Amino acid sequence: MANPSLASLEAAAHPADTKYLYFVAKGEGKSYFSQTLREHNAAVQKYLRSKGK
């Protein structure tokens, strides 16, 4: 069983004030953040689904 860190609990209780609701982990420690579901879906297609081709 995993236990979240205090920092994780504090972040969940007091989230950052941001317009970004979605993210895609691009690999190598990098992420792409999106404000809309449409933008997120495009990022998933670009960064994840295209990797297998």
PDB file of N, CA and C in Angstrom:
ATOM      1  N   MET A   1       0.840  -1.174   0.000  1.00  0.00           N
ATOM      2  CA  MET A   1       0.000   0.000   0.000  1.00  0.00           C
ATOM      3  C   MET A   1       0.886   1.239   0.000  1.00  0.00           C
ATOM      4  N   ALA A   2       0.567   2.194  -0.834  1.00  0.00           N
ATOM      5  CA  ALA A   2       1.367   3.418  -0.942  1.00  0.00           C
ATOM      6  C   ALA A   2       0.781   4.514  -0.051  1.00  0.00           C
ATOM      7  N   ASN A   3       1.648   5.293   0.514  1.00  0.00           N
ATOM      8  CA  ASN A   3       1.225   6.421   1.339  1.00  0.00           C
ATOM      9  C   ASN A   3       1.690   7.713   0.680  1.00  0.00           C
ATOM     10  N   PRO A   4       0.777   8.662   0.446  1.00  0.00           N
ATOM     11  CA  PRO A   4       1.179   9.930  -0.166  1.00  0.00           C
ATOM     12  C   PRO A   4       2.018  10.758   0.806  1.00  0.00           C
ATOM     13  N   SER A   5       2.885  11.565   0.247  1.00  0.00           N
ATOM     14  CA  SER A   5       3.715  12.437   1.079  1.00  0.00           C
ATOM     15  C   SER A   5       2.885  13.608   1.596  1.00  0.00           C
ATOM     16  N   LEU A   6       3.401  14.294   2.580  1.00  0.00           N
ATOM     17  CA  LEU A   6       2.737  15.475   3.121  1.00  0.00           C
ATOM     18  C   LEU A   6       2.575  16.530   2.019  1.00  0.00           C
ATOM     19  N   ALA A   7       3.593  16.687   1.189  1.00  0.00           N
ATOM     20  CA  ALA A   7       3.518  17.664   0.094  1.00  0.00           C
ATOM     21  C   ALA A   7       2.387  17.314  -0.872  1.00  0.00           C
ATOM     22  N   SER A   8       2.183  16.026  -1.149  1.00  0.00           N
ATOM     23  CA  SER A   8       1.096  15.589  -2.032  1.00  0.00           C
ATOM     24  C   SER A   8      -0.258  15.904  -1.421  1.00  0.00           C
ATOM     25  N   LEU A   9      -0.407  15.653  -0.141  1.00  0.00           N
ATOM     26  CA  LEU A   9      -1.661  15.949   0.547  1.00  0.00           C
ATOM     27  C   LEU A   9      -1.953  17.445   0.563  1.00  0.00           C
ATOM     28  N   GLU A  10      -0.918  18.245   0.819  1.00  0.00           N
ATOM     29  CA  GLU A  10      -1.096  19.700   0.827  1.00  0.00           C
ATOM     30  C   GLU A  10      -1.457  20.225  -0.560  1.00  0.00           C
ATOM     31  N   ALA A  11      -0.849  19.665  -1.595  1.00  0.00           N
ATOM     32  CA  ALA A  11      -1.158  20.083  -2.965  1.00  0.00           C
ATOM     33  C   ALA A  11      -2.595  19.729  -3.326  1.00  0.00           C
ATOM     34  N   ALA A  12      -3.072  18.577  -2.871  1.00  0.00           N
ATOM     35  CA  ALA A  12      -4.456  18.175  -3.142  1.00  0.00           C
ATOM     36  C   ALA A  12      -5.447  19.060  -2.385  1.00  0.00           C
ATOM     37  N   ALA A  13      -5.090  19.441  -1.183  1.00  0.00           N
ATOM     38  CA  ALA A  13      -5.969  20.279  -0.367  1.00  0.00           C
ATOM     39  C   ALA A  13      -5.960  21.737  -0.810  1.00  0.00           C
ATOM     40  N   HIS A  14      -4.850  22.182  -1.387  1.00  0.00           N
ATOM     41  CA  HIS A  14      -4.695  23.583  -1.806  1.00  0.00           C
ATOM     42  C   HIS A  14      -4.089  23.622  -3.204  1.00  0.00           C
ATOM     43  N   PRO A  15      -4.883  23.278  -4.232  1.00  0.00           N
ATOM     44  CA  PRO A  15      -4.341  23.225  -5.597  1.00  0.00           C
ATOM     45  C   PRO A  15      -3.911  24.604  -6.102  1.00  0.00           C
ATOM     46  N   ALA A  16      -2.983  24.593  -7.034  1.00  0.00           N
ATOM     47  CA  ALA A  16      -2.499  25.832  -7.643  1.00  0.00           C
ATOM     48  C   ALA A  16      -3.631  26.507  -8.415  1.00  0.00           C
ATOM     49  N   ASP A  17      -3.619  27.814  -8.471  1.00  0.00           N
ATOM     50  CA  ASP A  17      -4.604  28.583  -9.224  1.00  0.00           C
ATOM     51  C   ASP A  17      -4.139  28.649 -10.679  1.00  0.00           C
ATOM     52  N   THR A  18      -4.661  27.757 -11.508  1.00  0.00           N
ATOM     53  CA  THR A  18      -4.221  27.660 -12.898  1.00  0.00           C
ATOM     54  C   THR A  18      -5.393  27.308 -13.797  1.00  0.00           C
ATOM     55  N   LYS A  19      -5.268  27.621 -15.075  1.00  0.00           N
ATOM     56  CA  LYS A  19      -6.305  27.288 -16.054  1.00  0.00           C
ATOM     57  C   LYS A  19      -6.050  25.938 -16.710  1.00  0.00           C
ATOM     58  N   TYR A  20      -4.899  25.332 -16.428  1.00  0.00           N
ATOM     59  CA  TYR A  20      -4.548  24.063 -17.046  1.00  0.00           C
ATOM     60  C   TYR A  20      -5.193  22.910 -16.282  1.00  0.00           C
ATOM     61  N   LEU A  21      -6.046  22.143 -16.969  1.00  0.00           N
ATOM     62  CA  LEU A  21      -6.767  21.052 -16.328  1.00  0.00           C
ATOM     63  C   LEU A  21      -6.237  19.677 -16.717  1.00  0.00           C
ATOM     64  N   TYR A  22      -5.478  19.603 -17.807  1.00  0.00           N
ATOM     65  CA  TYR A  22      -5.038  18.317 -18.353  1.00  0.00           C
ATOM     66  C   TYR A  22      -3.526  18.329 -18.576  1.00  0.00           C
ATOM     67  N   PHE A  23      -2.939  17.128 -18.569  1.00  0.00           N
ATOM     68  CA  PHE A  23      -1.530  17.033 -18.932  1.00  0.00           C
ATOM     69  C   PHE A  23      -1.257  15.698 -19.601  1.00  0.00           C
ATOM     70  N   VAL A  24      -0.219  15.670 -20.401  1.00  0.00           N
ATOM     71  CA  VAL A  24       0.277  14.454 -21.036  1.00  0.00           C
ATOM     72  C   VAL A  24       1.755  14.355 -20.706  1.00  0.00           C
ATOM     73  N   ALA A  25       2.160  13.222 -20.147  1.00  0.00           N
ATOM     74  CA  ALA A  25       3.576  12.979 -19.896  1.00  0.00           C
ATOM     75  C   ALA A  25       4.220  12.598 -21.227  1.00  0.00           C
ATOM     76  N   LYS A  26       5.122  13.447 -21.710  1.00  0.00           N
ATOM     77  CA  LYS A  26       5.744  13.250 -23.020  1.00  0.00           C
ATOM     78  C   LYS A  26       6.926  12.288 -22.951  1.00  0.00           C
ATOM     79  N   GLY A  27       7.375  11.971 -21.777  1.00  0.00           N
ATOM     80  CA  GLY A  27       8.553  11.127 -21.623  1.00  0.00           C
ATOM     81  C   GLY A  27       9.766  11.962 -21.292  1.00  0.00           C
ATOM     82  N   GLU A  28      10.795  11.322 -20.812  1.00  0.00           N
ATOM     83  CA  GLU A  28      12.046  11.990 -20.438  1.00  0.00           C
ATOM     84  C   GLU A  28      11.823  13.106 -19.417  1.00  0.00           C
ATOM     85  N   GLY A  29      10.805  12.943 -18.560  1.00  0.00           N
ATOM     86  CA  GLY A  29      10.544  13.921 -17.505  1.00  0.00           C
ATOM     87  C   GLY A  29       9.844  15.180 -17.952  1.00  0.00           C
ATOM     88  N   LYS A  30       9.309  15.203 -19.165  1.00  0.00           N
ATOM     89  CA  LYS A  30       8.637  16.395 -19.678  1.00  0.00           C
ATOM     90  C   LYS A  30       7.141  16.150 -19.812  1.00  0.00           C
ATOM     91  N   SER A  31       6.352  17.219 -19.640  1.00  0.00           N
ATOM     92  CA  SER A  31       4.907  17.133 -19.753  1.00  0.00           C
ATOM     93  C   SER A  31       4.385  18.281 -20.599  1.00  0.00           C
ATOM     94  N   TYR A  32       3.198  18.063 -21.179  1.00  0.00           N
ATOM     95  CA  TYR A  32       2.506  19.108 -21.931  1.00  0.00           C
ATOM     96  C   TYR A  32       1.180  19.356 -21.222  1.00  0.00           C
ATOM     97  N   PHE A  33       0.888  20.607 -20.915  1.00  0.00           N
ATOM     98  CA  PHE A  33      -0.316  20.973 -20.185  1.00  0.00           C
ATOM     99  C   PHE A  33      -1.306  21.643 -21.120  1.00  0.00           C
ATOM    100  N   SER A  34      -2.613  21.329 -20.929  1.00  0.00           N
ATOM    101  CA  SER A  34      -3.675  21.842 -21.796  1.00  0.00           C
ATOM    102  C   SER A  34      -4.790  22.456 -20.963  1.00  0.00           C
ATOM    103  N   GLN A  35      -5.472  23.437 -21.561  1.00  0.00           N
ATOM    104  CA  GLN A  35      -6.598  24.082 -20.898  1.00  0.00           C
ATOM    105  C   GLN A  35      -7.929  23.458 -21.293  1.00  0.00           C
ATOM    106  N   THR A  36      -8.015  22.856 -22.467  1.00  0.00           N
ATOM    107  CA  THR A  36      -9.278  22.301 -22.940  1.00  0.00           C
ATOM    108  C   THR A  36      -9.119  20.820 -23.264  1.00  0.00           C
ATOM    109  N   LEU A  37     -10.251  20.123 -23.284  1.00  0.00           N
ATOM    110  CA  LEU A  37     -10.219  18.709 -23.631  1.00  0.00           C
ATOM    111  C   LEU A  37      -9.796  18.519 -25.078  1.00  0.00           C
ATOM    112  N   ARG A  38     -10.204  19.394 -25.948  1.00  0.00           N
ATOM    113  CA  ARG A  38      -9.809  19.307 -27.365  1.00  0.00           C
ATOM    114  C   ARG A  38      -8.291  19.415 -27.508  1.00  0.00           C
ATOM    115  N   GLU A  39      -7.702  20.374 -26.816  1.00  0.00           N
ATOM    116  CA  GLU A  39      -6.246  20.551 -26.857  1.00  0.00           C
ATOM    117  C   GLU A  39      -5.541  19.332 -26.246  1.00  0.00           C
ATOM    118  N   HIS A  40      -6.094  18.803 -25.170  1.00  0.00           N
ATOM    119  CA  HIS A  40      -5.521  17.619 -24.529  1.00  0.00           C
ATOM    120  C   HIS A  40      -5.550  16.421 -25.476  1.00  0.00           C
ATOM    121  N   ASN A  41      -6.694  16.198 -26.115  1.00  0.00           N
ATOM    122  CA  ASN A  41      -6.806  15.062 -27.038  1.00  0.00           C
ATOM    123  C   ASN A  41      -5.810  15.183 -28.184  1.00  0.00           C
ATOM    124  N   ALA A  42      -5.583  16.389 -28.670  1.00  0.00           N
ATOM    125  CA  ALA A  42      -4.585  16.601 -29.724  1.00  0.00           C
ATOM    126  C   ALA A  42      -3.179  16.274 -29.209  1.00  0.00           C
ATOM    127  N   ALA A  43      -2.900  16.642 -27.960  1.00  0.00           N
ATOM    128  CA  ALA A  43      -1.586  16.355 -27.372  1.00  0.00           C
ATOM    129  C   ALA A  43      -1.397  14.853 -27.176  1.00  0.00           C
ATOM    130  N   VAL A  44      -2.451  14.153 -26.768  1.00  0.00           N
ATOM    131  CA  VAL A  44      -2.368  12.695 -26.632  1.00  0.00           C
ATOM    132  C   VAL A  44      -2.030  12.082 -27.979  1.00  0.00           C
ATOM    133  N   GLN A  45      -2.712  12.537 -29.014  1.00  0.00           N
ATOM    134  CA  GLN A  45      -2.448  12.019 -30.358  1.00  0.00           C
ATOM    135  C   GLN A  45      -1.005  12.308 -30.775  1.00  0.00           C
ATOM    136  N   LYS A  46      -0.546  13.516 -30.509  1.00  0.00           N
ATOM    137  CA  LYS A  46       0.804  13.922 -30.932  1.00  0.00           C
ATOM    138  C   LYS A  46       1.907  13.217 -30.145  1.00  0.00           C
ATOM    139  N   TYR A  47       1.778  13.173 -28.831  1.00  0.00           N
ATOM    140  CA  TYR A  47       2.866  12.704 -27.999  1.00  0.00           C
ATOM    141  C   TYR A  47       2.806  11.223 -27.634  1.00  0.00           C
ATOM    142  N   LEU A  48       1.631  10.628 -27.620  1.00  0.00           N
ATOM    143  CA  LEU A  48       1.529   9.230 -27.194  1.00  0.00           C
ATOM    144  C   LEU A  48       1.179   8.277 -28.318  1.00  0.00           C
ATOM    145  N   ARG A  49       0.130   8.548 -29.025  1.00  0.00           N
ATOM    146  CA  ARG A  49      -0.334   7.598 -30.032  1.00  0.00           C
ATOM    147  C   ARG A  49       0.588   7.534 -31.234  1.00  0.00           C
ATOM    148  N   SER A  50       1.271   8.632 -31.540  1.00  0.00           N
ATOM    149  CA  SER A  50       2.162   8.638 -32.697  1.00  0.00           C
ATOM    150  C   SER A  50       3.492   7.926 -32.414  1.00  0.00           C
ATOM    151  N   LYS A  51       3.799   7.665 -31.140  1.00  0.00           N
ATOM    152  CA  LYS A  51       5.056   6.996 -30.786  1.00  0.00           C
ATOM    153  C   LYS A  51       5.113   5.570 -31.304  1.00  0.00           C
ATOM    154  N   GLY A  52       3.965   4.896 -31.356  1.00  0.00           N
ATOM    155  CA  GLY A  52       3.941   3.513 -31.778  1.00  0.00           C
ATOM    156  C   GLY A  52       4.028   3.346 -33.287  1.00  0.00           C
ATOM    157  N   LYS A  53       3.987   4.421 -34.044  1.00  0.00           N
ATOM    158  CA  LYS A  53       3.994   4.328 -35.519  1.00  0.00           C
ATOM    159  C   LYS A  53       5.367   4.609 -36.072  1.00  0.00           C
TER     160      LYS A  53
END
